[in-house]
Amino acid sequence: MERPRARPLGTVLLRGANVITMRGGEVVRNADVVIKDNRIVAVGARSQVRVPAGARVMDVAGDTIIPGLIDVHAHFDIPRGVVDPGTWEFATNLAYGVTSVREPQSMTNDIFVYSDLVEAGDMPGPRIFSTGPGLFAQPNFQSYQDVLQAVTRYARYYKTNLLKSYEVGDRQTRQWVIRACRELHMMPTTEGGADLR
């Protein structure tokens, strides 16, 4: 099943906030921020940027606007087996300015469902990138083909380019995981605390 990614259309002018830019410590006071079709197209001092005709004006005087924050090690305690679009954790992250998260190991595949819900506009939340469940030593990999088959499942069915390789076995097995990830254009972690040699 496919659905288009949610993409707000139209033009909005955010007027009057203090804007912290991505240019060092620059702060634009009493700024205008123009957003068109879900993209910031202009930021500048009030009345110094071109505002397209028909833009909806929102008074945000007294507020501060910052670039979106990215949490590269986010864990969520989501219900297993029951998808709840009302789960508070995603909306809370967004409310505090976190616009993207990288979840380095989910305990359930449902994290991909939540990612799809956000992308489709059916649930508020940051963009969610995840490894899905970690790849552990339990399958008892015996060959490169065993590992390639397991990693392929992540790449093809989970549609992720990230893999949590967590103590998958001995040195040979960890090298097989890295090789399979390279072949499938994935980025693995290489955590091997069980056997430091």
N, C-alpha and C. Protein backbone atom coordinates (compact mmCIF):
# COMPACT_ATOMS: atom_id res chain seq x y z
N MET A 1 0.84 -1.16 0.00
CA MET A 1 0.00 0.00 0.00
C MET A 1 0.89 1.24 0.00
N GLU A 2 0.52 2.23 -0.77
CA GLU A 2 1.28 3.46 -0.83
C GLU A 2 0.37 4.64 -0.59
N ARG A 3 0.91 5.63 0.10
CA ARG A 3 0.21 6.91 0.30
C ARG A 3 1.21 8.01 0.10
N PRO A 4 0.76 9.16 -0.39
CA PRO A 4 1.71 10.27 -0.55
C PRO A 4 2.14 10.83 0.79
N ARG A 5 3.34 11.35 0.84
CA ARG A 5 3.84 12.03 2.04
C ARG A 5 3.03 13.31 2.23
N ALA A 6 2.66 13.60 3.47
CA ALA A 6 1.91 14.82 3.77
C ALA A 6 2.79 16.02 3.44
N ARG A 7 2.22 16.98 2.74
CA ARG A 7 2.99 18.17 2.38
C ARG A 7 2.05 19.37 2.41
N PRO A 8 2.12 20.14 3.48
CA PRO A 8 1.26 21.32 3.56
C PRO A 8 1.52 22.26 2.38
N LEU A 9 0.45 22.80 1.82
CA LEU A 9 0.56 23.74 0.72
C LEU A 9 0.10 25.11 1.17
N GLY A 10 0.58 26.14 0.49
CA GLY A 10 0.20 27.50 0.82
C GLY A 10 1.38 28.25 1.41
N THR A 11 1.12 29.53 1.69
CA THR A 11 2.17 30.40 2.20
C THR A 11 1.78 30.99 3.55
N VAL A 12 2.71 30.93 4.49
CA VAL A 12 2.49 31.46 5.84
C VAL A 12 3.62 32.42 6.17
N LEU A 13 3.26 33.54 6.80
CA LEU A 13 4.26 34.48 7.30
C LEU A 13 4.21 34.44 8.82
N LEU A 14 5.33 34.04 9.43
CA LEU A 14 5.46 34.10 10.89
C LEU A 14 6.10 35.44 11.20
N ARG A 15 5.39 36.31 11.91
CA ARG A 15 5.86 37.69 12.08
C ARG A 15 6.09 38.02 13.55
N GLY A 16 7.28 38.59 13.83
CA GLY A 16 7.54 39.20 15.12
C GLY A 16 8.40 38.42 16.09
N ALA A 17 8.72 37.17 15.80
CA ALA A 17 9.53 36.38 16.73
C ALA A 17 11.00 36.76 16.63
N ASN A 18 11.76 36.36 17.65
CA ASN A 18 13.21 36.40 17.57
C ASN A 18 13.63 35.08 16.93
N VAL A 19 14.46 35.15 15.89
CA VAL A 19 14.85 33.95 15.14
C VAL A 19 16.34 33.70 15.34
N ILE A 20 16.66 32.53 15.88
CA ILE A 20 18.05 32.09 16.00
C ILE A 20 18.36 31.34 14.71
N THR A 21 19.30 31.88 13.93
CA THR A 21 19.60 31.28 12.63
C THR A 21 20.68 30.22 12.78
N MET A 22 21.07 29.65 11.66
CA MET A 22 22.16 28.67 11.65
C MET A 22 23.48 29.32 11.25
N ARG A 23 23.54 30.66 11.30
CA ARG A 23 24.76 31.39 10.98
C ARG A 23 25.44 31.82 12.27
N GLY A 24 26.18 30.90 12.88
CA GLY A 24 26.89 31.21 14.13
C GLY A 24 25.91 31.59 15.22
N GLY A 25 26.15 32.71 15.88
CA GLY A 25 25.29 33.16 16.97
C GLY A 25 24.28 34.21 16.53
N GLU A 26 24.01 34.30 15.24
CA GLU A 26 23.10 35.32 14.74
C GLU A 26 21.68 35.15 15.26
N VAL A 27 21.11 36.27 15.73
CA VAL A 27 19.71 36.31 16.15
C VAL A 27 19.06 37.48 15.42
N VAL A 28 17.98 37.20 14.72
CA VAL A 28 17.23 38.25 14.03
C VAL A 28 16.04 38.60 14.92
N ARG A 29 16.03 39.82 15.42
CA ARG A 29 14.96 40.26 16.31
C ARG A 29 13.78 40.78 15.49
N ASN A 30 12.57 40.53 16.00
CA ASN A 30 11.35 41.00 15.34
C ASN A 30 11.37 40.60 13.86
N ALA A 31 11.52 39.31 13.63
CA ALA A 31 11.77 38.79 12.28
C ALA A 31 10.49 38.43 11.54
N ASP A 32 10.66 38.30 10.22
CA ASP A 32 9.65 37.70 9.35
C ASP A 32 10.23 36.39 8.84
N VAL A 33 9.43 35.32 8.93
CA VAL A 33 9.81 34.03 8.37
C VAL A 33 8.71 33.65 7.38
N VAL A 34 9.10 33.45 6.12
CA VAL A 34 8.13 33.09 5.08
C VAL A 34 8.28 31.60 4.78
N ILE A 35 7.17 30.88 4.90
CA ILE A 35 7.14 29.45 4.61
C ILE A 35 6.18 29.23 3.44
N LYS A 36 6.68 28.62 2.37
CA LYS A 36 5.84 28.33 1.21
C LYS A 36 5.91 26.85 0.89
N ASP A 37 4.74 26.22 0.83
CA ASP A 37 4.65 24.79 0.50
C ASP A 37 5.63 23.96 1.32
N ASN A 38 5.61 24.19 2.65
CA ASN A 38 6.38 23.38 3.60
C ASN A 38 7.89 23.63 3.56
N ARG A 39 8.32 24.74 2.97
CA ARG A 39 9.74 25.08 2.93
C ARG A 39 9.91 26.52 3.38
N ILE A 40 10.93 26.76 4.21
CA ILE A 40 11.27 28.13 4.59
C ILE A 40 11.94 28.76 3.38
N VAL A 41 11.36 29.87 2.88
CA VAL A 41 11.91 30.51 1.69
C VAL A 41 12.59 31.83 2.00
N ALA A 42 12.29 32.43 3.17
CA ALA A 42 12.94 33.70 3.51
C ALA A 42 12.90 33.92 5.01
N VAL A 43 14.00 34.48 5.53
CA VAL A 43 14.10 34.88 6.94
C VAL A 43 14.82 36.22 6.96
N GLY A 44 14.26 37.17 7.67
CA GLY A 44 14.93 38.46 7.75
C GLY A 44 14.21 39.38 8.72
N ALA A 45 14.75 40.56 8.88
CA ALA A 45 14.13 41.54 9.76
C ALA A 45 12.74 41.89 9.23
N ARG A 46 11.86 42.28 10.12
CA ARG A 46 10.47 42.58 9.76
C ARG A 46 10.42 43.58 8.61
N SER A 47 9.58 43.26 7.64
CA SER A 47 9.35 44.09 6.45
C SER A 47 10.56 44.17 5.52
N GLN A 48 11.59 43.34 5.75
CA GLN A 48 12.78 43.36 4.88
C GLN A 48 12.80 42.18 3.91
N VAL A 49 11.84 41.25 4.02
CA VAL A 49 11.78 40.11 3.10
C VAL A 49 10.50 40.24 2.26
N ARG A 50 10.56 39.70 1.04
CA ARG A 50 9.39 39.73 0.16
C ARG A 50 8.38 38.70 0.63
N VAL A 51 7.15 39.15 0.84
CA VAL A 51 6.08 38.26 1.28
C VAL A 51 5.10 38.08 0.12
N PRO A 52 4.91 36.85 -0.34
CA PRO A 52 3.99 36.63 -1.45
C PRO A 52 2.57 37.08 -1.11
N ALA A 53 1.87 37.57 -2.11
CA ALA A 53 0.48 38.00 -1.92
C ALA A 53 -0.36 36.82 -1.45
N GLY A 54 -1.26 37.08 -0.54
CA GLY A 54 -2.16 36.04 -0.05
C GLY A 54 -1.60 35.20 1.08
N ALA A 55 -0.42 35.53 1.55
CA ALA A 55 0.17 34.76 2.66
C ALA A 55 -0.66 34.94 3.92
N ARG A 56 -0.86 33.85 4.64
CA ARG A 56 -1.54 33.92 5.93
C ARG A 56 -0.54 34.42 6.96
N VAL A 57 -0.90 35.45 7.69
CA VAL A 57 0.01 36.07 8.65
C VAL A 57 -0.30 35.53 10.05
N MET A 58 0.74 35.05 10.72
CA MET A 58 0.60 34.58 12.11
C MET A 58 1.48 35.46 13.00
N ASP A 59 0.87 36.08 13.99
CA ASP A 59 1.61 36.93 14.93
C ASP A 59 2.28 36.04 15.97
N VAL A 60 3.60 35.99 15.95
CA VAL A 60 4.36 35.18 16.91
C VAL A 60 5.28 36.07 17.75
N ALA A 61 4.89 37.33 17.90
CA ALA A 61 5.69 38.28 18.69
C ALA A 61 5.91 37.74 20.09
N GLY A 62 7.14 37.88 20.57
CA GLY A 62 7.48 37.40 21.90
C GLY A 62 7.98 35.97 21.93
N ASP A 63 7.80 35.23 20.83
CA ASP A 63 8.28 33.85 20.75
C ASP A 63 9.70 33.83 20.19
N THR A 64 10.36 32.68 20.32
CA THR A 64 11.67 32.47 19.73
C THR A 64 11.58 31.27 18.81
N ILE A 65 12.09 31.41 17.60
CA ILE A 65 12.10 30.32 16.62
C ILE A 65 13.54 29.87 16.45
N ILE A 66 13.75 28.56 16.55
CA ILE A 66 15.09 27.99 16.40
C ILE A 66 15.08 26.96 15.28
N PRO A 67 16.26 26.61 14.73
CA PRO A 67 16.31 25.49 13.78
C PRO A 67 15.86 24.22 14.49
N GLY A 68 15.29 23.30 13.74
CA GLY A 68 14.83 22.03 14.33
C GLY A 68 15.98 21.26 14.95
N LEU A 69 15.71 20.63 16.08
CA LEU A 69 16.71 19.82 16.78
C LEU A 69 16.64 18.39 16.25
N ILE A 70 17.77 17.71 16.25
CA ILE A 70 17.84 16.32 15.80
C ILE A 70 18.37 15.48 16.96
N ASP A 71 17.60 14.49 17.38
CA ASP A 71 18.01 13.58 18.45
C ASP A 71 18.51 12.31 17.77
N VAL A 72 19.82 12.06 17.86
CA VAL A 72 20.40 10.91 17.15
C VAL A 72 20.42 9.63 17.99
N HIS A 73 19.87 9.69 19.21
CA HIS A 73 19.82 8.49 20.04
C HIS A 73 18.52 8.50 20.85
N ALA A 74 17.41 8.42 20.14
CA ALA A 74 16.10 8.49 20.79
C ALA A 74 15.54 7.09 20.99
N HIS A 75 15.03 6.83 22.18
CA HIS A 75 14.33 5.58 22.45
C HIS A 75 12.90 5.91 22.84
N PHE A 76 11.97 5.12 22.35
CA PHE A 76 10.55 5.33 22.64
C PHE A 76 9.98 4.10 23.30
N ASP A 77 9.13 4.33 24.28
CA ASP A 77 8.45 3.24 24.97
C ASP A 77 7.05 3.11 24.38
N ILE A 78 6.99 2.57 23.15
CA ILE A 78 5.71 2.48 22.46
C ILE A 78 5.05 1.14 22.77
N PRO A 79 3.72 1.09 22.74
CA PRO A 79 3.04 -0.18 23.00
C PRO A 79 3.39 -1.20 21.91
N ARG A 80 3.52 -2.45 22.28
CA ARG A 80 3.85 -3.49 21.32
C ARG A 80 2.59 -4.16 20.82
N GLY A 81 2.51 -4.30 19.49
CA GLY A 81 1.41 -5.03 18.89
C GLY A 81 0.14 -4.22 18.73
N VAL A 82 0.07 -3.03 19.33
CA VAL A 82 -1.10 -2.16 19.20
C VAL A 82 -0.59 -0.78 18.82
N VAL A 83 -0.95 -0.33 17.63
CA VAL A 83 -0.50 0.98 17.18
C VAL A 83 -1.45 2.03 17.71
N ASP A 84 -0.92 3.02 18.40
CA ASP A 84 -1.72 4.08 19.01
C ASP A 84 -1.24 5.43 18.50
N PRO A 85 -1.92 6.03 17.49
CA PRO A 85 -1.51 7.33 16.98
C PRO A 85 -1.55 8.44 18.04
N GLY A 86 -2.19 8.17 19.18
CA GLY A 86 -2.24 9.14 20.25
C GLY A 86 -1.07 9.04 21.22
N THR A 87 -0.08 8.17 20.91
CA THR A 87 1.08 8.02 21.78
C THR A 87 1.74 9.38 21.98
N TRP A 88 1.91 9.76 23.23
CA TRP A 88 2.33 11.12 23.58
C TRP A 88 3.78 11.43 23.25
N GLU A 89 4.64 10.42 23.19
CA GLU A 89 6.08 10.67 23.07
C GLU A 89 6.48 11.41 21.79
N PHE A 90 5.83 11.09 20.69
CA PHE A 90 6.20 11.71 19.42
C PHE A 90 5.78 13.18 19.39
N ALA A 91 4.55 13.46 19.80
CA ALA A 91 4.07 14.85 19.83
C ALA A 91 4.88 15.68 20.82
N THR A 92 5.28 15.09 21.93
CA THR A 92 6.07 15.82 22.93
C THR A 92 7.43 16.21 22.37
N ASN A 93 8.09 15.30 21.66
CA ASN A 93 9.37 15.63 21.03
C ASN A 93 9.20 16.81 20.08
N LEU A 94 8.17 16.75 19.27
CA LEU A 94 7.92 17.83 18.31
C LEU A 94 7.65 19.15 19.03
N ALA A 95 6.89 19.10 20.11
CA ALA A 95 6.56 20.32 20.86
C ALA A 95 7.80 20.99 21.43
N TYR A 96 8.83 20.21 21.73
CA TYR A 96 10.07 20.77 22.27
C TYR A 96 11.10 21.05 21.19
N GLY A 97 10.69 21.04 19.93
CA GLY A 97 11.57 21.46 18.84
C GLY A 97 12.37 20.36 18.18
N VAL A 98 12.12 19.09 18.56
CA VAL A 98 12.84 17.98 17.93
C VAL A 98 12.09 17.63 16.65
N THR A 99 12.71 17.89 15.50
CA THR A 99 12.04 17.67 14.22
C THR A 99 12.45 16.38 13.53
N SER A 100 13.55 15.75 13.99
CA SER A 100 13.99 14.47 13.45
C SER A 100 14.60 13.64 14.57
N VAL A 101 14.35 12.33 14.55
CA VAL A 101 14.96 11.43 15.53
C VAL A 101 15.57 10.23 14.80
N ARG A 102 16.65 9.73 15.38
CA ARG A 102 17.24 8.46 14.94
C ARG A 102 17.14 7.53 16.12
N GLU A 103 16.33 6.51 15.96
CA GLU A 103 16.09 5.56 17.04
C GLU A 103 17.03 4.37 16.80
N PRO A 104 18.06 4.18 17.65
CA PRO A 104 19.12 3.23 17.34
C PRO A 104 18.82 1.76 17.64
N GLN A 105 17.68 1.47 18.18
CA GLN A 105 17.27 0.07 18.33
C GLN A 105 15.89 0.02 18.94
N SER A 106 14.96 -0.39 18.13
CA SER A 106 13.58 -0.51 18.60
C SER A 106 13.36 -1.92 19.12
N MET A 107 12.49 -2.04 20.08
CA MET A 107 12.15 -3.38 20.59
C MET A 107 11.03 -4.01 19.77
N THR A 108 10.50 -3.24 18.81
CA THR A 108 9.40 -3.75 17.98
C THR A 108 9.48 -3.15 16.58
N ASN A 109 8.95 -3.86 15.60
CA ASN A 109 8.89 -3.36 14.23
C ASN A 109 7.89 -2.23 14.09
N ASP A 110 7.02 -2.04 15.08
CA ASP A 110 5.98 -1.03 14.99
C ASP A 110 6.55 0.38 14.82
N ILE A 111 7.81 0.59 15.14
CA ILE A 111 8.41 1.92 14.97
C ILE A 111 8.28 2.38 13.53
N PHE A 112 8.32 1.44 12.58
CA PHE A 112 8.18 1.81 11.17
C PHE A 112 6.76 2.24 10.83
N VAL A 113 5.78 1.67 11.53
CA VAL A 113 4.39 2.09 11.35
C VAL A 113 4.22 3.53 11.83
N TYR A 114 4.80 3.84 12.99
CA TYR A 114 4.72 5.21 13.50
C TYR A 114 5.41 6.18 12.55
N SER A 115 6.54 5.79 11.99
CA SER A 115 7.24 6.63 11.02
C SER A 115 6.34 6.91 9.82
N ASP A 116 5.67 5.88 9.33
CA ASP A 116 4.75 6.05 8.20
C ASP A 116 3.58 6.96 8.56
N LEU A 117 3.05 6.82 9.78
CA LEU A 117 1.94 7.68 10.20
C LEU A 117 2.34 9.15 10.22
N VAL A 118 3.55 9.43 10.70
CA VAL A 118 4.04 10.80 10.71
C VAL A 118 4.21 11.31 9.28
N GLU A 119 4.85 10.49 8.43
CA GLU A 119 5.10 10.91 7.05
C GLU A 119 3.80 11.15 6.29
N ALA A 120 2.76 10.38 6.59
CA ALA A 120 1.47 10.53 5.90
C ALA A 120 0.63 11.67 6.47
N GLY A 121 1.07 12.23 7.60
CA GLY A 121 0.33 13.33 8.22
C GLY A 121 -0.81 12.86 9.11
N ASP A 122 -0.80 11.58 9.47
CA ASP A 122 -1.87 11.03 10.31
C ASP A 122 -1.55 11.10 11.80
N MET A 123 -0.37 11.57 12.15
CA MET A 123 0.04 11.65 13.54
C MET A 123 1.10 12.74 13.67
N PRO A 124 1.01 13.61 14.69
CA PRO A 124 2.08 14.60 14.86
C PRO A 124 3.33 13.95 15.43
N GLY A 125 4.46 14.39 14.95
CA GLY A 125 5.72 13.86 15.48
C GLY A 125 6.87 14.26 14.60
N PRO A 126 8.09 14.05 15.08
CA PRO A 126 9.28 14.33 14.28
C PRO A 126 9.45 13.25 13.21
N ARG A 127 10.28 13.53 12.21
CA ARG A 127 10.63 12.47 11.25
C ARG A 127 11.36 11.39 12.04
N ILE A 128 11.01 10.13 11.78
CA ILE A 128 11.55 9.02 12.56
C ILE A 128 12.41 8.14 11.66
N PHE A 129 13.68 8.01 12.01
CA PHE A 129 14.59 7.09 11.33
C PHE A 129 14.95 6.03 12.38
N SER A 130 14.90 4.76 12.00
CA SER A 130 15.16 3.71 12.98
C SER A 130 15.88 2.53 12.36
N THR A 131 16.57 1.80 13.21
CA THR A 131 17.20 0.54 12.80
C THR A 131 16.20 -0.60 12.86
N GLY A 132 15.09 -0.40 13.57
CA GLY A 132 14.21 -1.52 13.87
C GLY A 132 14.85 -2.35 14.96
N PRO A 133 14.35 -3.56 15.19
CA PRO A 133 14.93 -4.42 16.22
C PRO A 133 16.39 -4.73 15.91
N GLY A 134 17.18 -4.87 16.94
CA GLY A 134 18.60 -5.17 16.75
C GLY A 134 18.83 -6.56 16.18
N LEU A 135 19.98 -6.73 15.55
CA LEU A 135 20.40 -8.02 15.04
C LEU A 135 21.35 -8.62 16.07
N PHE A 136 20.93 -9.70 16.70
CA PHE A 136 21.69 -10.32 17.79
C PHE A 136 22.29 -11.65 17.33
N ALA A 137 22.90 -12.37 18.24
CA ALA A 137 23.56 -13.64 17.92
C ALA A 137 22.58 -14.82 17.88
N GLN A 138 21.32 -14.60 18.28
CA GLN A 138 20.37 -15.72 18.38
C GLN A 138 20.22 -16.56 17.11
N PRO A 139 20.27 -15.96 15.89
CA PRO A 139 20.12 -16.82 14.71
C PRO A 139 21.27 -17.81 14.53
N ASN A 140 22.38 -17.61 15.27
CA ASN A 140 23.54 -18.50 15.17
C ASN A 140 24.01 -18.61 13.72
N PHE A 141 24.42 -17.49 13.17
CA PHE A 141 24.85 -17.42 11.78
C PHE A 141 26.00 -18.39 11.52
N GLN A 142 25.89 -19.16 10.44
CA GLN A 142 26.92 -20.14 10.09
C GLN A 142 27.69 -19.77 8.82
N SER A 143 27.18 -18.77 8.06
CA SER A 143 27.83 -18.42 6.81
C SER A 143 27.50 -16.98 6.43
N TYR A 144 28.23 -16.48 5.46
CA TYR A 144 27.94 -15.14 4.94
C TYR A 144 26.53 -15.09 4.36
N GLN A 145 26.10 -16.15 3.71
CA GLN A 145 24.76 -16.18 3.11
C GLN A 145 23.67 -16.05 4.18
N ASP A 146 23.88 -16.68 5.33
CA ASP A 146 22.92 -16.54 6.44
C ASP A 146 22.79 -15.07 6.85
N VAL A 147 23.93 -14.41 6.99
CA VAL A 147 23.94 -13.01 7.41
C VAL A 147 23.32 -12.13 6.33
N LEU A 148 23.70 -12.36 5.07
CA LEU A 148 23.17 -11.56 3.97
C LEU A 148 21.65 -11.67 3.90
N GLN A 149 21.13 -12.86 4.13
CA GLN A 149 19.67 -13.05 4.12
C GLN A 149 19.00 -12.23 5.23
N ALA A 150 19.60 -12.24 6.42
CA ALA A 150 19.04 -11.49 7.54
C ALA A 150 19.10 -9.98 7.30
N VAL A 151 20.23 -9.50 6.83
CA VAL A 151 20.40 -8.06 6.59
C VAL A 151 19.51 -7.60 5.43
N THR A 152 19.34 -8.45 4.43
CA THR A 152 18.45 -8.12 3.30
C THR A 152 17.03 -7.87 3.78
N ARG A 153 16.61 -8.63 4.77
CA ARG A 153 15.25 -8.44 5.33
C ARG A 153 15.09 -7.01 5.85
N TYR A 154 16.10 -6.49 6.52
CA TYR A 154 16.04 -5.11 7.02
C TYR A 154 15.98 -4.12 5.86
N ALA A 155 16.83 -4.32 4.86
CA ALA A 155 16.91 -3.37 3.74
C ALA A 155 15.64 -3.39 2.89
N ARG A 156 15.10 -4.57 2.62
CA ARG A 156 13.96 -4.67 1.70
C ARG A 156 12.61 -4.48 2.37
N TYR A 157 12.44 -5.07 3.54
CA TYR A 157 11.11 -5.05 4.15
C TYR A 157 10.93 -3.92 5.15
N TYR A 158 11.98 -3.60 5.88
CA TYR A 158 11.88 -2.49 6.83
C TYR A 158 12.19 -1.16 6.16
N LYS A 159 12.83 -1.21 4.99
CA LYS A 159 13.20 0.00 4.24
C LYS A 159 14.06 0.93 5.08
N THR A 160 14.99 0.36 5.82
CA THR A 160 15.91 1.18 6.62
C THR A 160 17.32 1.03 6.06
N ASN A 161 18.10 2.08 6.21
CA ASN A 161 19.51 1.97 5.81
C ASN A 161 20.41 1.91 7.04
N LEU A 162 19.80 1.69 8.22
CA LEU A 162 20.53 1.60 9.48
C LEU A 162 20.34 0.20 10.07
N LEU A 163 21.37 -0.32 10.71
CA LEU A 163 21.27 -1.65 11.33
C LEU A 163 21.98 -1.64 12.67
N LYS A 164 21.29 -2.09 13.70
CA LYS A 164 21.89 -2.25 15.02
C LYS A 164 22.46 -3.66 15.09
N SER A 165 23.76 -3.77 14.91
CA SER A 165 24.45 -5.05 15.00
C SER A 165 24.98 -5.16 16.42
N TYR A 166 24.31 -5.97 17.22
CA TYR A 166 24.60 -5.99 18.65
C TYR A 166 25.09 -7.37 19.07
N GLU A 167 26.40 -7.49 19.24
CA GLU A 167 27.00 -8.74 19.70
C GLU A 167 26.50 -9.93 18.88
N VAL A 168 26.65 -9.82 17.54
CA VAL A 168 26.10 -10.85 16.65
C VAL A 168 26.92 -12.14 16.63
N GLY A 169 28.06 -12.13 17.27
CA GLY A 169 28.87 -13.35 17.28
C GLY A 169 30.34 -13.00 17.31
N ASP A 170 31.15 -13.92 16.79
CA ASP A 170 32.60 -13.73 16.82
C ASP A 170 33.04 -12.73 15.75
N ARG A 171 34.34 -12.55 15.65
CA ARG A 171 34.91 -11.58 14.70
C ARG A 171 34.46 -11.87 13.27
N GLN A 172 34.48 -13.14 12.88
CA GLN A 172 34.08 -13.51 11.51
C GLN A 172 32.64 -13.09 11.23
N THR A 173 31.76 -13.35 12.18
CA THR A 173 30.35 -13.00 12.00
C THR A 173 30.17 -11.50 11.90
N ARG A 174 30.87 -10.75 12.74
CA ARG A 174 30.77 -9.29 12.69
C ARG A 174 31.28 -8.76 11.34
N GLN A 175 32.32 -9.38 10.80
CA GLN A 175 32.82 -8.97 9.49
C GLN A 175 31.82 -9.31 8.39
N TRP A 176 31.12 -10.44 8.52
CA TRP A 176 30.07 -10.78 7.56
C TRP A 176 28.96 -9.72 7.57
N VAL A 177 28.60 -9.25 8.77
CA VAL A 177 27.55 -8.24 8.89
C VAL A 177 27.99 -6.95 8.19
N ILE A 178 29.22 -6.54 8.43
CA ILE A 178 29.73 -5.32 7.80
C ILE A 178 29.75 -5.48 6.27
N ARG A 179 30.19 -6.63 5.80
CA ARG A 179 30.24 -6.89 4.36
C ARG A 179 28.83 -6.85 3.75
N ALA A 180 27.88 -7.48 4.40
CA ALA A 180 26.50 -7.48 3.90
C ALA A 180 25.93 -6.06 3.89
N CYS A 181 26.23 -5.30 4.92
CA CYS A 181 25.74 -3.92 4.97
C CYS A 181 26.34 -3.08 3.85
N ARG A 182 27.62 -3.26 3.60
CA ARG A 182 28.24 -2.53 2.48
C ARG A 182 27.55 -2.88 1.17
N GLU A 183 27.31 -4.16 0.97
CA GLU A 183 26.68 -4.63 -0.27
C GLU A 183 25.28 -4.04 -0.44
N LEU A 184 24.56 -3.85 0.66
CA LEU A 184 23.18 -3.36 0.61
C LEU A 184 23.08 -1.86 0.91
N HIS A 185 24.23 -1.18 0.98
CA HIS A 185 24.28 0.28 1.23
C HIS A 185 23.61 0.65 2.55
N MET A 186 23.94 -0.10 3.59
CA MET A 186 23.41 0.15 4.92
C MET A 186 24.55 0.59 5.85
N MET A 187 24.17 1.24 6.95
CA MET A 187 25.15 1.68 7.94
C MET A 187 24.93 0.86 9.21
N PRO A 188 25.89 -0.04 9.54
CA PRO A 188 25.74 -0.83 10.76
C PRO A 188 26.45 -0.18 11.95
N THR A 189 25.96 -0.48 13.13
CA THR A 189 26.80 -0.27 14.30
C THR A 189 27.62 -1.54 14.40
N THR A 190 28.70 -1.51 15.13
CA THR A 190 29.52 -2.73 15.24
C THR A 190 29.86 -2.92 16.71
N GLU A 191 28.85 -3.27 17.47
CA GLU A 191 29.01 -3.42 18.91
C GLU A 191 29.33 -4.88 19.21
N GLY A 192 30.46 -5.13 19.82
CA GLY A 192 30.88 -6.51 20.04
C GLY A 192 31.41 -6.75 21.42
N GLY A 193 30.73 -6.28 22.45
CA GLY A 193 31.23 -6.36 23.80
C GLY A 193 31.35 -7.75 24.36
N ALA A 194 30.72 -8.75 23.74
CA ALA A 194 30.75 -10.10 24.29
C ALA A 194 32.10 -10.77 24.10
N ASP A 195 32.84 -10.36 23.06
CA ASP A 195 34.12 -11.01 22.77
C ASP A 195 35.08 -9.94 22.26
N LEU A 196 35.79 -9.30 23.18
CA LEU A 196 36.66 -8.18 22.80
C LEU A 196 37.85 -8.64 21.97
N ARG A 197 38.22 -9.91 22.04
CA ARG A 197 39.33 -10.39 21.21
C ARG A 197 38.94 -10.50 19.76
